[in-house]
Amino acid sequence: MTHPELLYTILQTPRPLSESQQSAIMTQSSHVRLIAGAGAGKTETLTRKIVSLLLVDRVEPASIVAFTFTEKAAANMKSRIYTRVRELGEDAICARLGELYVGTIHGFCFHLLEDHFGYGSWGILDENQEMAYLMRVGWELNLTVSSI
């Protein structure tokens, strides 16, 4: 399939995208931010943008970062990307999709801290762990705990 045919397929299948969605996919900007209400098609647009970057522009998967608000939304987007790339017959790229990052900005920053600053031995505290930590360290800092 030629690049124009591939791009046309991405824009039109499984259903045609709106003009503004198509514009977001075809932009050559290295940073794309979509702002729209619930159900407007943000996930579908970003999914097709990423598929276009991978298949039409041949961008390396490791060079792509996509932020979502929740891990659930990230899992949904990852699944859509994999399905579309596989449907378009790009099994070699499917095998490398683990290299791209789709997730929350918090998760991305955590990975940066792990990879570059050795932060990996720390985790997220639950409510009880947080209170225990504050009580232990708070004494050293002369902090007092008060209830509201």
C-alpha atoms as a PDB file:
ATOM      1  CA  MET A   1       0.000   0.000   0.000  1.00  0.00           C
ATOM      2  CA  THR A   2       1.410   3.434  -0.906  1.00  0.00           C
ATOM      3  CA  HIS A   3       1.743   6.190   1.691  1.00  0.00           C
ATOM      4  CA  PRO A   4      -1.250   8.176   0.354  1.00  0.00           C
ATOM      5  CA  GLU A   5      -3.402   5.019   0.335  1.00  0.00           C
ATOM      6  CA  LEU A   6      -2.269   4.129   3.848  1.00  0.00           C
ATOM      7  CA  LEU A   7      -3.019   7.619   5.135  1.00  0.00           C
ATOM      8  CA  TYR A   8      -6.439   7.569   3.447  1.00  0.00           C
ATOM      9  CA  THR A   9      -7.201   4.203   5.098  1.00  0.00           C
ATOM     10  CA  ILE A  10      -6.135   5.522   8.515  1.00  0.00           C
ATOM     11  CA  LEU A  11      -8.344   8.622   8.123  1.00  0.00           C
ATOM     12  CA  GLN A  12     -11.404   6.788   6.790  1.00  0.00           C
ATOM     13  CA  THR A  13     -11.460   3.359   8.472  1.00  0.00           C
ATOM     14  CA  PRO A  14     -13.352   2.083  10.406  1.00  0.00           C
ATOM     15  CA  ARG A  15     -15.349   5.336  10.007  1.00  0.00           C
ATOM     16  CA  PRO A  16     -14.424   8.686   8.481  1.00  0.00           C
ATOM     17  CA  LEU A  17     -13.032  11.289  10.854  1.00  0.00           C
ATOM     18  CA  SER A  18     -14.172  14.908  10.995  1.00  0.00           C
ATOM     19  CA  GLU A  19     -12.163  17.613   9.275  1.00  0.00           C
ATOM     20  CA  SER A  20     -10.641  18.808  12.574  1.00  0.00           C
ATOM     21  CA  GLN A  21      -9.696  15.236  13.549  1.00  0.00           C
ATOM     22  CA  GLN A  22      -8.053  14.706  10.157  1.00  0.00           C
ATOM     23  CA  SER A  23      -6.169  17.975  10.575  1.00  0.00           C
ATOM     24  CA  ALA A  24      -4.834  16.804  13.956  1.00  0.00           C
ATOM     25  CA  ILE A  25      -3.593  13.586  12.360  1.00  0.00           C
ATOM     26  CA  MET A  26      -1.982  15.206   9.336  1.00  0.00           C
ATOM     27  CA  THR A  27      -0.212  18.039  11.170  1.00  0.00           C
ATOM     28  CA  GLN A  28       3.573  17.911  10.982  1.00  0.00           C
ATOM     29  CA  SER A  29       3.940  19.476  14.432  1.00  0.00           C
ATOM     30  CA  SER A  30       6.012  17.374  16.818  1.00  0.00           C
ATOM     31  CA  HIS A  31       3.608  18.171  19.680  1.00  0.00           C
ATOM     32  CA  VAL A  32      -0.140  17.686  19.418  1.00  0.00           C
ATOM     33  CA  ARG A  33      -2.642  18.560  22.142  1.00  0.00           C
ATOM     34  CA  LEU A  34      -6.306  17.678  21.721  1.00  0.00           C
ATOM     35  CA  ILE A  35      -8.916  19.507  23.739  1.00  0.00           C
ATOM     36  CA  ALA A  36     -12.482  18.262  23.463  1.00  0.00           C
ATOM     37  CA  GLY A  37     -15.379  17.168  25.607  1.00  0.00           C
ATOM     38  CA  ALA A  38     -16.258  13.635  26.642  1.00  0.00           C
ATOM     39  CA  GLY A  39     -17.163  11.387  23.722  1.00  0.00           C
ATOM     40  CA  ALA A  40     -15.790  13.767  21.095  1.00  0.00           C
ATOM     41  CA  GLY A  41     -13.281  11.226  19.749  1.00  0.00           C
ATOM     42  CA  LYS A  42      -9.995  12.237  21.405  1.00  0.00           C
ATOM     43  CA  THR A  43      -8.843   8.659  21.964  1.00  0.00           C
ATOM     44  CA  GLU A  44      -9.701   7.641  18.407  1.00  0.00           C
ATOM     45  CA  THR A  45      -7.920  10.688  16.988  1.00  0.00           C
ATOM     46  CA  LEU A  46      -4.775  10.131  19.061  1.00  0.00           C
ATOM     47  CA  THR A  47      -4.829   6.437  18.207  1.00  0.00           C
ATOM     48  CA  ARG A  48      -4.938   7.164  14.491  1.00  0.00           C
ATOM     49  CA  LYS A  49      -2.277   9.890  14.852  1.00  0.00           C
ATOM     50  CA  ILE A  50       0.063   7.368  16.466  1.00  0.00           C
ATOM     51  CA  VAL A  51      -0.732   4.745  13.820  1.00  0.00           C
ATOM     52  CA  SER A  52       0.021   7.344  11.138  1.00  0.00           C
ATOM     53  CA  LEU A  53       3.318   8.265  12.806  1.00  0.00           C
ATOM     54  CA  LEU A  54       4.304   4.599  12.942  1.00  0.00           C
ATOM     55  CA  LEU A  55       3.171   3.451   9.498  1.00  0.00           C
ATOM     56  CA  VAL A  56       3.209   6.523   7.253  1.00  0.00           C
ATOM     57  CA  ASP A  57       5.991   8.642   8.771  1.00  0.00           C
ATOM     58  CA  ARG A  58       7.977   5.615  10.025  1.00  0.00           C
ATOM     59  CA  VAL A  59       8.674   7.225  13.408  1.00  0.00           C
ATOM     60  CA  GLU A  60      10.452   4.904  15.828  1.00  0.00           C
ATOM     61  CA  PRO A  61       8.007   3.595  18.485  1.00  0.00           C
ATOM     62  CA  ALA A  62      10.425   4.604  21.278  1.00  0.00           C
ATOM     63  CA  SER A  63      10.141   8.229  20.071  1.00  0.00           C
ATOM     64  CA  ILE A  64       6.403   8.422  20.743  1.00  0.00           C
ATOM     65  CA  VAL A  65       4.922   9.543  24.068  1.00  0.00           C
ATOM     66  CA  ALA A  66       1.163   9.888  24.566  1.00  0.00           C
ATOM     67  CA  PHE A  67      -0.355  11.055  27.856  1.00  0.00           C
ATOM     68  CA  THR A  68      -3.776  10.055  29.111  1.00  0.00           C
ATOM     69  CA  PHE A  69      -5.548  10.989  32.338  1.00  0.00           C
ATOM     70  CA  THR A  70      -5.958   7.430  33.596  1.00  0.00           C
ATOM     71  CA  GLU A  71      -4.240   4.070  33.246  1.00  0.00           C
ATOM     72  CA  LYS A  72      -7.573   2.661  32.045  1.00  0.00           C
ATOM     73  CA  ALA A  73      -7.601   5.159  29.161  1.00  0.00           C
ATOM     74  CA  ALA A  74      -3.968   4.275  28.406  1.00  0.00           C
ATOM     75  CA  ALA A  75      -4.778   0.556  28.249  1.00  0.00           C
ATOM     76  CA  ASN A  76      -7.681   1.301  25.910  1.00  0.00           C
ATOM     77  CA  MET A  77      -5.469   3.394  23.619  1.00  0.00           C
ATOM     78  CA  LYS A  78      -2.672   0.794  23.582  1.00  0.00           C
ATOM     79  CA  SER A  79      -5.195  -1.867  22.602  1.00  0.00           C
ATOM     80  CA  ARG A  80      -6.594   0.281  19.783  1.00  0.00           C
ATOM     81  CA  ILE A  81      -3.113   1.074  18.452  1.00  0.00           C
ATOM     82  CA  TYR A  82      -2.128  -2.595  18.450  1.00  0.00           C
ATOM     83  CA  THR A  83      -5.380  -3.629  16.736  1.00  0.00           C
ATOM     84  CA  ARG A  84      -5.076  -0.976  13.992  1.00  0.00           C
ATOM     85  CA  VAL A  85      -1.394  -1.692  13.289  1.00  0.00           C
ATOM     86  CA  ARG A  86      -2.123  -5.429  13.120  1.00  0.00           C
ATOM     87  CA  GLU A  87      -5.158  -4.877  10.850  1.00  0.00           C
ATOM     88  CA  LEU A  88      -2.926  -2.925   8.479  1.00  0.00           C
ATOM     89  CA  GLY A  89      -0.533  -5.876   8.284  1.00  0.00           C
ATOM     90  CA  GLU A  90       2.439  -4.403  10.112  1.00  0.00           C
ATOM     91  CA  ASP A  91       3.381  -7.342  12.353  1.00  0.00           C
ATOM     92  CA  ALA A  92       7.016  -6.190  12.613  1.00  0.00           C
ATOM     93  CA  ILE A  93       5.869  -2.890  14.140  1.00  0.00           C
ATOM     94  CA  CYS A  94       3.375  -4.699  16.399  1.00  0.00           C
ATOM     95  CA  ALA A  95       6.336  -6.541  17.909  1.00  0.00           C
ATOM     96  CA  ARG A  96       7.921  -3.180  18.828  1.00  0.00           C
ATOM     97  CA  LEU A  97       4.874  -1.385  20.242  1.00  0.00           C
ATOM     98  CA  GLY A  98       6.115  -1.968  23.789  1.00  0.00           C
ATOM     99  CA  GLU A  99       8.775   0.653  23.058  1.00  0.00           C
ATOM    100  CA  LEU A 100       6.268   3.521  22.826  1.00  0.00           C
ATOM    101  CA  TYR A 101       4.900   5.157  25.963  1.00  0.00           C
ATOM    102  CA  VAL A 102       1.167   5.550  26.440  1.00  0.00           C
ATOM    103  CA  GLY A 103       0.137   6.367  30.003  1.00  0.00           C
ATOM    104  CA  THR A 104      -0.253   9.057  32.612  1.00  0.00           C
ATOM    105  CA  ILE A 105       2.196  11.910  33.001  1.00  0.00           C
ATOM    106  CA  HIS A 106       2.764  10.677  36.571  1.00  0.00           C
ATOM    107  CA  GLY A 107       3.771   7.252  35.290  1.00  0.00           C
ATOM    108  CA  PHE A 108       6.074   8.783  32.705  1.00  0.00           C
ATOM    109  CA  CYS A 109       7.817  10.940  35.305  1.00  0.00           C
ATOM    110  CA  PHE A 110       8.148   7.937  37.613  1.00  0.00           C
ATOM    111  CA  HIS A 111       9.851   5.978  34.787  1.00  0.00           C
ATOM    112  CA  LEU A 112      12.215   8.899  34.173  1.00  0.00           C
ATOM    113  CA  LEU A 113      13.111   8.968  37.853  1.00  0.00           C
ATOM    114  CA  GLU A 114      13.690   5.201  37.848  1.00  0.00           C
ATOM    115  CA  ASP A 115      15.747   5.171  34.651  1.00  0.00           C
ATOM    116  CA  HIS A 116      17.882   8.234  35.236  1.00  0.00           C
ATOM    117  CA  PHE A 117      18.038   8.801  38.978  1.00  0.00           C
ATOM    118  CA  GLY A 118      17.771   5.353  40.586  1.00  0.00           C
ATOM    119  CA  TYR A 119      14.381   6.075  42.127  1.00  0.00           C
ATOM    120  CA  GLY A 120      13.169   2.489  41.630  1.00  0.00           C
ATOM    121  CA  SER A 121      13.276   1.371  45.258  1.00  0.00           C
ATOM    122  CA  TRP A 122      10.375   3.664  46.180  1.00  0.00           C
ATOM    123  CA  GLY A 123       6.682   3.156  45.665  1.00  0.00           C
ATOM    124  CA  ILE A 124       3.417   4.967  46.195  1.00  0.00           C
ATOM    125  CA  LEU A 125       2.290   5.128  49.829  1.00  0.00           C
ATOM    126  CA  ASP A 126      -1.245   4.225  50.824  1.00  0.00           C
ATOM    127  CA  GLU A 127      -3.058   6.326  53.471  1.00  0.00           C
ATOM    128  CA  ASN A 128      -1.737   4.310  56.424  1.00  0.00           C
ATOM    129  CA  GLN A 129       1.854   4.285  55.144  1.00  0.00           C
ATOM    130  CA  GLU A 130       1.679   8.020  54.498  1.00  0.00           C
ATOM    131  CA  MET A 131       0.471   8.710  58.051  1.00  0.00           C
ATOM    132  CA  ALA A 132       3.144   6.430  59.548  1.00  0.00           C
ATOM    133  CA  TYR A 133       5.830   8.187  57.502  1.00  0.00           C
ATOM    134  CA  LEU A 134       4.597  11.637  58.499  1.00  0.00           C
ATOM    135  CA  MET A 135       4.441  10.636  62.153  1.00  0.00           C
ATOM    136  CA  ARG A 136       7.970   9.183  62.077  1.00  0.00           C
ATOM    137  CA  VAL A 137       9.591  12.006  60.097  1.00  0.00           C
ATOM    138  CA  GLY A 138       7.321  14.682  61.546  1.00  0.00           C
ATOM    139  CA  TRP A 139       8.834  14.284  65.007  1.00  0.00           C
ATOM    140  CA  GLU A 140      12.261  15.016  63.574  1.00  0.00           C
ATOM    141  CA  LEU A 141      10.945  18.132  61.819  1.00  0.00           C
ATOM    142  CA  ASN A 142       8.859  19.312  64.800  1.00  0.00           C
ATOM    143  CA  LEU A 143       5.626  18.916  62.847  1.00  0.00           C
ATOM    144  CA  THR A 144       2.394  18.459  64.752  1.00  0.00           C
ATOM    145  CA  VAL A 145      -0.618  16.526  63.513  1.00  0.00           C
ATOM    146  CA  SER A 146      -4.055  17.983  63.955  1.00  0.00           C
ATOM    147  CA  SER A 147      -7.439  16.715  62.883  1.00  0.00           C
ATOM    148  CA  ILE A 148     -10.063  18.881  61.281  1.00  0.00           C
END
